[in-house]
PDB file of N, CA and C in Angstrom:
ATOM      1  N   MET A   1     -29.354-191.325   9.762  1.00  0.00           N
ATOM      2  CA  MET A   1     -28.161-190.684   9.918  1.00  0.00           C
ATOM      3  C   MET A   1     -28.081-189.100   9.303  1.00  0.00           C
ATOM      4  N   VAL A   2     -27.282-188.535   9.789  1.00  0.00           N
ATOM      5  CA  VAL A   2     -27.268-186.876   9.378  1.00  0.00           C
ATOM      6  C   VAL A   2     -25.895-186.732   8.743  1.00  0.00           C
ATOM      7  N   PHE A   3     -26.117-185.947   7.456  1.00  0.00           N
ATOM      8  CA  PHE A   3     -25.011-185.654   6.632  1.00  0.00           C
ATOM      9  C   PHE A   3     -24.935-184.140   6.541  1.00  0.00           C
ATOM     10  N   GLU A   4     -23.733-183.717   7.124  1.00  0.00           N
ATOM     11  CA  GLU A   4     -23.751-182.237   7.178  1.00  0.00           C
ATOM     12  C   GLU A   4     -22.785-181.614   5.818  1.00  0.00           C
ATOM     13  N   ILE A   5     -23.385-180.669   5.276  1.00  0.00           N
ATOM     14  CA  ILE A   5     -22.771-179.975   4.178  1.00  0.00           C
ATOM     15  C   ILE A   5     -22.313-178.448   4.565  1.00  0.00           C
ATOM     16  N   THR A   6     -21.373-178.140   3.958  1.00  0.00           N
ATOM     17  CA  THR A   6     -20.845-176.702   4.151  1.00  0.00           C
ATOM     18  C   THR A   6     -21.033-175.905   2.833  1.00  0.00           C
ATOM     19  N   THR A   7     -21.650-176.494   1.882  1.00  0.00           N
ATOM     20  CA  THR A   7     -21.864-175.856   0.804  1.00  0.00           C
ATOM     21  C   THR A   7     -23.512-175.645   0.511  1.00  0.00           C
ATOM     22  N   GLU A   8     -23.699-174.910  -0.473  1.00  0.00           N
ATOM     23  CA  GLU A   8     -25.138-174.615  -0.608  1.00  0.00           C
ATOM     24  C   GLU A   8     -26.156-176.164  -0.928  1.00  0.00           C
ATOM     25  N   HIS A   9     -25.377-176.904  -1.737  1.00  0.00           N
ATOM     26  CA  HIS A   9     -26.082-178.226  -2.197  1.00  0.00           C
ATOM     27  C   HIS A   9     -24.902-179.479  -2.258  1.00  0.00           C
ATOM     28  N   ILE A  10     -25.437-180.459  -2.393  1.00  0.00           N
ATOM     29  CA  ILE A  10     -24.469-181.719  -2.754  1.00  0.00           C
ATOM     30  C   ILE A  10     -25.195-182.597  -3.619  1.00  0.00           C
ATOM     31  N   LYS A  11     -24.598-183.109  -4.818  1.00  0.00           N
ATOM     32  CA  LYS A  11     -25.262-183.998  -5.792  1.00  0.00           C
ATOM     33  C   LYS A  11     -25.523-185.409  -5.025  1.00  0.00           C
ATOM     34  N   LEU A  12     -26.579-186.042  -5.574  1.00  0.00           N
ATOM     35  CA  LEU A  12     -26.996-187.221  -4.843  1.00  0.00           C
ATOM     36  C   LEU A  12     -25.849-188.275  -5.131  1.00  0.00           C
ATOM     37  N   ASP A  13     -25.171-188.453  -6.081  1.00  0.00           N
ATOM     38  CA  ASP A  13     -24.039-189.635  -5.959  1.00  0.00           C
ATOM     39  C   ASP A  13     -22.967-189.224  -5.100  1.00  0.00           C
ATOM     40  N   SER A  14     -22.733-187.959  -4.856  1.00  0.00           N
ATOM     41  CA  SER A  14     -21.661-187.519  -3.991  1.00  0.00           C
ATOM     42  C   SER A  14     -21.834-187.715  -2.494  1.00  0.00           C
ATOM     43  N   LEU A  15     -23.374-187.663  -2.378  1.00  0.00           N
ATOM     44  CA  LEU A  15     -23.943-187.780  -0.953  1.00  0.00           C
ATOM     45  C   LEU A  15     -23.712-189.330  -0.561  1.00  0.00           C
ATOM     46  N   LEU A  16     -24.188-190.148  -1.468  1.00  0.00           N
ATOM     47  CA  LEU A  16     -24.032-191.608  -1.378  1.00  0.00           C
ATOM     48  C   LEU A  16     -22.592-192.204  -1.094  1.00  0.00           C
ATOM     49  N   LYS A  17     -21.735-191.568  -1.960  1.00  0.00           N
ATOM     50  CA  LYS A  17     -20.181-191.716  -1.583  1.00  0.00           C
ATOM     51  C   LYS A  17     -19.680-191.200  -0.298  1.00  0.00           C
ATOM     52  N   GLY A  18     -20.126-189.966   0.084  1.00  0.00           N
ATOM     53  CA  GLY A  18     -19.637-189.340   1.238  1.00  0.00           C
ATOM     54  C   GLY A  18     -20.176-189.961   2.441  1.00  0.00           C
ATOM     55  N   ALA A  19     -21.424-190.692   2.442  1.00  0.00           N
ATOM     56  CA  ALA A  19     -21.903-191.316   3.535  1.00  0.00           C
ATOM     57  C   ALA A  19     -21.471-192.614   3.625  1.00  0.00           C
ATOM     58  N   ASN A  20     -20.728-193.249   2.778  1.00  0.00           N
ATOM     59  CA  ASN A  20     -20.073-194.653   2.639  1.00  0.00           C
ATOM     60  C   ASN A  20     -21.434-195.648   2.430  1.00  0.00           C
ATOM     61  N   MET A  21     -22.248-195.020   1.617  1.00  0.00           N
ATOM     62  CA  MET A  21     -23.402-196.022   1.236  1.00  0.00           C
ATOM     63  C   MET A  21     -22.960-196.778   0.016  1.00  0.00           C
ATOM     64  N   VAL A  22     -22.079-196.324  -0.759  1.00  0.00           N
ATOM     65  CA  VAL A  22     -21.523-196.905  -2.048  1.00  0.00           C
ATOM     66  C   VAL A  22     -20.065-196.940  -1.905  1.00  0.00           C
ATOM     67  N   GLY A  23     -19.402-197.659  -2.556  1.00  0.00           N
ATOM     68  CA  GLY A  23     -18.075-197.912  -2.602  1.00  0.00           C
ATOM     69  C   GLY A  23     -17.387-197.075  -3.690  1.00  0.00           C
ATOM     70  N   SER A  24     -18.116-196.476  -4.711  1.00  0.00           N
ATOM     71  CA  SER A  24     -17.754-195.868  -5.769  1.00  0.00           C
ATOM     72  C   SER A  24     -18.633-195.112  -6.759  1.00  0.00           C
ATOM     73  N   GLY A  25     -18.226-194.107  -7.316  1.00  0.00           N
ATOM     74  CA  GLY A  25     -19.293-193.421  -8.262  1.00  0.00           C
ATOM     75  C   GLY A  25     -19.831-194.404  -9.200  1.00  0.00           C
ATOM     76  N   GLY A  26     -19.240-195.024  -9.752  1.00  0.00           N
ATOM     77  CA  GLY A  26     -19.866-196.052 -10.506  1.00  0.00           C
ATOM     78  C   GLY A  26     -20.984-196.924  -9.898  1.00  0.00           C
ATOM     79  N   GLU A  27     -20.669-197.321  -8.686  1.00  0.00           N
ATOM     80  CA  GLU A  27     -21.791-198.167  -7.901  1.00  0.00           C
ATOM     81  C   GLU A  27     -22.999-197.205  -7.685  1.00  0.00           C
ATOM     82  N   ALA A  28     -22.624-196.040  -7.390  1.00  0.00           N
ATOM     83  CA  ALA A  28     -23.559-195.016  -7.091  1.00  0.00           C
ATOM     84  C   ALA A  28     -24.589-194.722  -8.397  1.00  0.00           C
ATOM     85  N   LYS A  29     -24.013-194.546  -9.500  1.00  0.00           N
ATOM     86  CA  LYS A  29     -24.555-194.602 -10.812  1.00  0.00           C
ATOM     87  C   LYS A  29     -25.559-195.661 -11.046  1.00  0.00           C
ATOM     88  N   VAL A  30     -25.038-196.917 -10.864  1.00  0.00           N
ATOM     89  CA  VAL A  30     -26.004-198.222 -11.236  1.00  0.00           C
ATOM     90  C   VAL A  30     -27.065-198.077  -9.954  1.00  0.00           C
ATOM     91  N   ILE A  31     -26.882-198.095  -8.836  1.00  0.00           N
ATOM     92  CA  ILE A  31     -28.089-198.003  -7.753  1.00  0.00           C
ATOM     93  C   ILE A  31     -28.838-196.946  -8.049  1.00  0.00           C
ATOM     94  N   ILE A  32     -28.580-195.800  -8.387  1.00  0.00           N
ATOM     95  CA  ILE A  32     -29.496-194.557  -8.720  1.00  0.00           C
ATOM     96  C   ILE A  32     -30.379-195.037 -10.074  1.00  0.00           C
ATOM     97  N   ALA A  33     -29.772-195.434 -11.140  1.00  0.00           N
ATOM     98  CA  ALA A  33     -30.423-195.702 -12.273  1.00  0.00           C
ATOM     99  C   ALA A  33     -31.234-196.918 -12.168  1.00  0.00           C
ATOM    100  N   ASP A  34     -31.184-197.766 -11.267  1.00  0.00           N
ATOM    101  CA  ASP A  34     -32.015-198.880 -10.972  1.00  0.00           C
ATOM    102  C   ASP A  34     -33.285-198.625 -10.146  1.00  0.00           C
ATOM    103  N   GLY A  35     -33.325-197.267  -9.847  1.00  0.00           N
ATOM    104  CA  GLY A  35     -34.438-196.736  -8.925  1.00  0.00           C
ATOM    105  C   GLY A  35     -34.534-197.291  -7.522  1.00  0.00           C
ATOM    106  N   LEU A  36     -33.292-197.458  -6.936  1.00  0.00           N
ATOM    107  CA  LEU A  36     -33.402-197.982  -5.666  1.00  0.00           C
ATOM    108  C   LEU A  36     -32.993-196.772  -4.492  1.00  0.00           C
ATOM    109  N   VAL A  37     -32.985-195.588  -4.898  1.00  0.00           N
ATOM    110  CA  VAL A  37     -32.869-194.491  -4.285  1.00  0.00           C
ATOM    111  C   VAL A  37     -34.189-193.677  -4.170  1.00  0.00           C
ATOM    112  N   GLN A  38     -34.542-193.213  -3.028  1.00  0.00           N
ATOM    113  CA  GLN A  38     -35.653-192.202  -2.691  1.00  0.00           C
ATOM    114  C   GLN A  38     -35.286-190.882  -2.255  1.00  0.00           C
ATOM    115  N   VAL A  39     -35.589-189.755  -2.897  1.00  0.00           N
ATOM    116  CA  VAL A  39     -35.437-188.494  -2.063  1.00  0.00           C
ATOM    117  C   VAL A  39     -36.737-187.983  -1.758  1.00  0.00           C
ATOM    118  N   ASN A  40     -36.836-187.556  -0.584  1.00  0.00           N
ATOM    119  CA  ASN A  40     -38.246-186.989  -0.081  1.00  0.00           C
ATOM    120  C   ASN A  40     -39.504-187.701  -0.222  1.00  0.00           C
ATOM    121  N   GLY A  41     -39.057-189.167  -0.391  1.00  0.00           N
ATOM    122  CA  GLY A  41     -40.363-190.209  -0.565  1.00  0.00           C
ATOM    123  C   GLY A  41     -40.733-190.486  -2.078  1.00  0.00           C
ATOM    124  N   GLN A  42     -39.759-189.994  -3.075  1.00  0.00           N
ATOM    125  CA  GLN A  42     -39.958-190.212  -4.456  1.00  0.00           C
ATOM    126  C   GLN A  42     -38.616-190.847  -4.950  1.00  0.00           C
ATOM    127  N   THR A  43     -38.824-191.869  -5.803  1.00  0.00           N
ATOM    128  CA  THR A  43     -37.908-192.500  -6.550  1.00  0.00           C
ATOM    129  C   THR A  43     -37.047-191.702  -7.437  1.00  0.00           C
ATOM    130  N   GLU A  44     -35.775-191.538  -7.259  1.00  0.00           N
ATOM    131  CA  GLU A  44     -34.907-190.474  -7.989  1.00  0.00           C
ATOM    132  C   GLU A  44     -33.891-191.281  -8.810  1.00  0.00           C
ATOM    133  N   GLN A  45     -33.807-191.051  -9.953  1.00  0.00           N
ATOM    134  CA  GLN A  45     -32.762-191.714 -10.880  1.00  0.00           C
ATOM    135  C   GLN A  45     -31.952-190.577 -11.522  1.00  0.00           C
ATOM    136  N   ARG A  46     -31.923-189.451 -11.171  1.00  0.00           N
ATOM    137  CA  ARG A  46     -30.723-188.593 -11.640  1.00  0.00           C
ATOM    138  C   ARG A  46     -29.681-188.451 -10.656  1.00  0.00           C
ATOM    139  N   ARG A  47     -28.488-189.031 -10.932  1.00  0.00           N
ATOM    140  CA  ARG A  47     -27.418-189.017  -9.931  1.00  0.00           C
ATOM    141  C   ARG A  47     -26.855-187.706  -9.604  1.00  0.00           C
ATOM    142  N   GLY A  48     -27.286-186.437 -10.607  1.00  0.00           N
ATOM    143  CA  GLY A  48     -26.812-185.293 -10.395  1.00  0.00           C
ATOM    144  C   GLY A  48     -27.832-184.483  -9.641  1.00  0.00           C
ATOM    145  N   ARG A  49     -28.825-185.079  -9.124  1.00  0.00           N
ATOM    146  CA  ARG A  49     -29.929-184.421  -8.508  1.00  0.00           C
ATOM    147  C   ARG A  49     -29.218-183.504  -7.390  1.00  0.00           C
ATOM    148  N   LYS A  50     -29.609-182.260  -6.992  1.00  0.00           N
ATOM    149  CA  LYS A  50     -28.974-181.478  -6.045  1.00  0.00           C
ATOM    150  C   LYS A  50     -29.940-181.691  -5.000  1.00  0.00           C
ATOM    151  N   LEU A  51     -29.138-181.933  -3.724  1.00  0.00           N
ATOM    152  CA  LEU A  51     -29.774-181.987  -2.552  1.00  0.00           C
ATOM    153  C   LEU A  51     -29.446-180.813  -1.573  1.00  0.00           C
ATOM    154  N   TYR A  52     -30.369-180.434  -0.859  1.00  0.00           N
ATOM    155  CA  TYR A  52     -30.316-179.288   0.072  1.00  0.00           C
ATOM    156  C   TYR A  52     -30.569-179.611   1.363  1.00  0.00           C
ATOM    157  N   PRO A  53     -30.391-178.685   2.313  1.00  0.00           N
ATOM    158  CA  PRO A  53     -30.489-179.053   3.842  1.00  0.00           C
ATOM    159  C   PRO A  53     -32.047-179.332   3.844  1.00  0.00           C
ATOM    160  N   GLY A  54     -32.221-180.395   4.697  1.00  0.00           N
ATOM    161  CA  GLY A  54     -33.780-180.788   4.928  1.00  0.00           C
ATOM    162  C   GLY A  54     -34.245-181.853   4.065  1.00  0.00           C
ATOM    163  N   ASP A  55     -33.413-182.211   3.046  1.00  0.00           N
ATOM    164  CA  ASP A  55     -33.824-183.315   2.073  1.00  0.00           C
ATOM    165  C   ASP A  55     -33.521-184.426   2.746  1.00  0.00           C
ATOM    166  N   ARG A  56     -34.384-185.521   2.410  1.00  0.00           N
ATOM    167  CA  ARG A  56     -34.224-186.938   3.005  1.00  0.00           C
ATOM    168  C   ARG A  56     -33.783-187.841   2.050  1.00  0.00           C
ATOM    169  N   VAL A  57     -32.879-188.734   2.086  1.00  0.00           N
ATOM    170  CA  VAL A  57     -32.644-189.749   1.090  1.00  0.00           C
ATOM    171  C   VAL A  57     -32.621-191.339   1.826  1.00  0.00           C
ATOM    172  N   VAL A  58     -33.107-192.128   1.060  1.00  0.00           N
ATOM    173  CA  VAL A  58     -33.233-193.500   1.688  1.00  0.00           C
ATOM    174  C   VAL A  58     -32.695-194.440   0.814  1.00  0.00           C
ATOM    175  N   LEU A  59     -31.957-195.239   1.120  1.00  0.00           N
ATOM    176  CA  LEU A  59     -31.431-196.463   0.363  1.00  0.00           C
ATOM    177  C   LEU A  59     -31.390-197.734   1.195  1.00  0.00           C
ATOM    178  N   GLU A  60     -32.139-198.676   0.623  1.00  0.00           N
ATOM    179  CA  GLU A  60     -32.247-200.023   1.382  1.00  0.00           C
ATOM    180  C   GLU A  60     -32.515-199.973   2.803  1.00  0.00           C
ATOM    181  N   GLY A  61     -33.567-199.025   3.197  1.00  0.00           N
ATOM    182  CA  GLY A  61     -33.933-198.811   4.487  1.00  0.00           C
ATOM    183  C   GLY A  61     -33.224-197.996   5.257  1.00  0.00           C
ATOM    184  N   TYR A  62     -32.172-197.344   4.865  1.00  0.00           N
ATOM    185  CA  TYR A  62     -31.255-196.458   5.668  1.00  0.00           C
ATOM    186  C   TYR A  62     -31.547-195.197   5.335  1.00  0.00           C
ATOM    187  N   GLU A  63     -31.737-194.194   6.116  1.00  0.00           N
ATOM    188  CA  GLU A  63     -32.147-192.679   5.889  1.00  0.00           C
ATOM    189  C   GLU A  63     -31.083-191.868   6.015  1.00  0.00           C
ATOM    190  N   ILE A  64     -30.794-190.928   5.201  1.00  0.00           N
ATOM    191  CA  ILE A  64     -29.747-189.789   5.414  1.00  0.00           C
ATOM    192  C   ILE A  64     -30.521-188.400   5.426  1.00  0.00           C
ATOM    193  N   VAL A  65     -30.274-187.706   6.178  1.00  0.00           N
ATOM    194  CA  VAL A  65     -30.804-186.232   6.314  1.00  0.00           C
ATOM    195  C   VAL A  65     -29.860-185.262   6.032  1.00  0.00           C
ATOM    196  N   VAL A  66     -29.814-184.450   5.091  1.00  0.00           N
ATOM    197  CA  VAL A  66     -28.847-183.520   4.809  1.00  0.00           C
ATOM    198  C   VAL A  66     -29.213-182.260   5.738  1.00  0.00           C
ATOM    199  N   GLU A  67     -28.105-181.789   6.348  1.00  0.00           N
ATOM    200  CA  GLU A  67     -28.092-180.558   7.116  1.00  0.00           C
ATOM    201  C   GLU A  67     -26.920-179.730   6.960  1.00  0.00           C
ATOM    202  N   ARG A  68     -27.062-178.468   7.107  1.00  0.00           N
ATOM    203  CA  ARG A  68     -26.281-177.458   7.108  1.00  0.00           C
ATOM    204  C   ARG A  68     -25.210-177.547   8.165  1.00  0.00           C
ATOM    205  N   GLY A  69     -23.861-177.713   7.758  1.00  0.00           N
ATOM    206  CA  GLY A  69     -22.951-177.838   8.718  1.00  0.00           C
ATOM    207  C   GLY A  69     -22.236-176.498   9.034  1.00  0.00           C
ATOM    208  N   ALA A  70     -21.132-176.449  10.021  1.00  0.00           N
ATOM    209  CA  ALA A  70     -20.612-175.130  10.235  1.00  0.00           C
ATOM    210  C   ALA A  70     -19.527-174.752   9.212  1.00  0.00           C
TER     211      ALA A  70
END
C-alpha cells in the first residue's frame, strides 16, 4: 500500500491511523509499544518516529510505503 504525504514527514502513529491500520491513537500507541511495527526492517517502538518518503512500515504482514504526494 502507498501512503502519500504532502508534508516533509509524518509521525508513525499518525501514519497508522491515516492508513486505517488502527482505530485510534491509543491503539497505535499499544501496538507500537508492543514491538509489532517495523520501519525499514527494524522494530520501532517510538510512536513519534518521523517517517519520510521512501520509508517502509510493516504491521502484521501489511506494508505501507510513504511517498510524497502532490
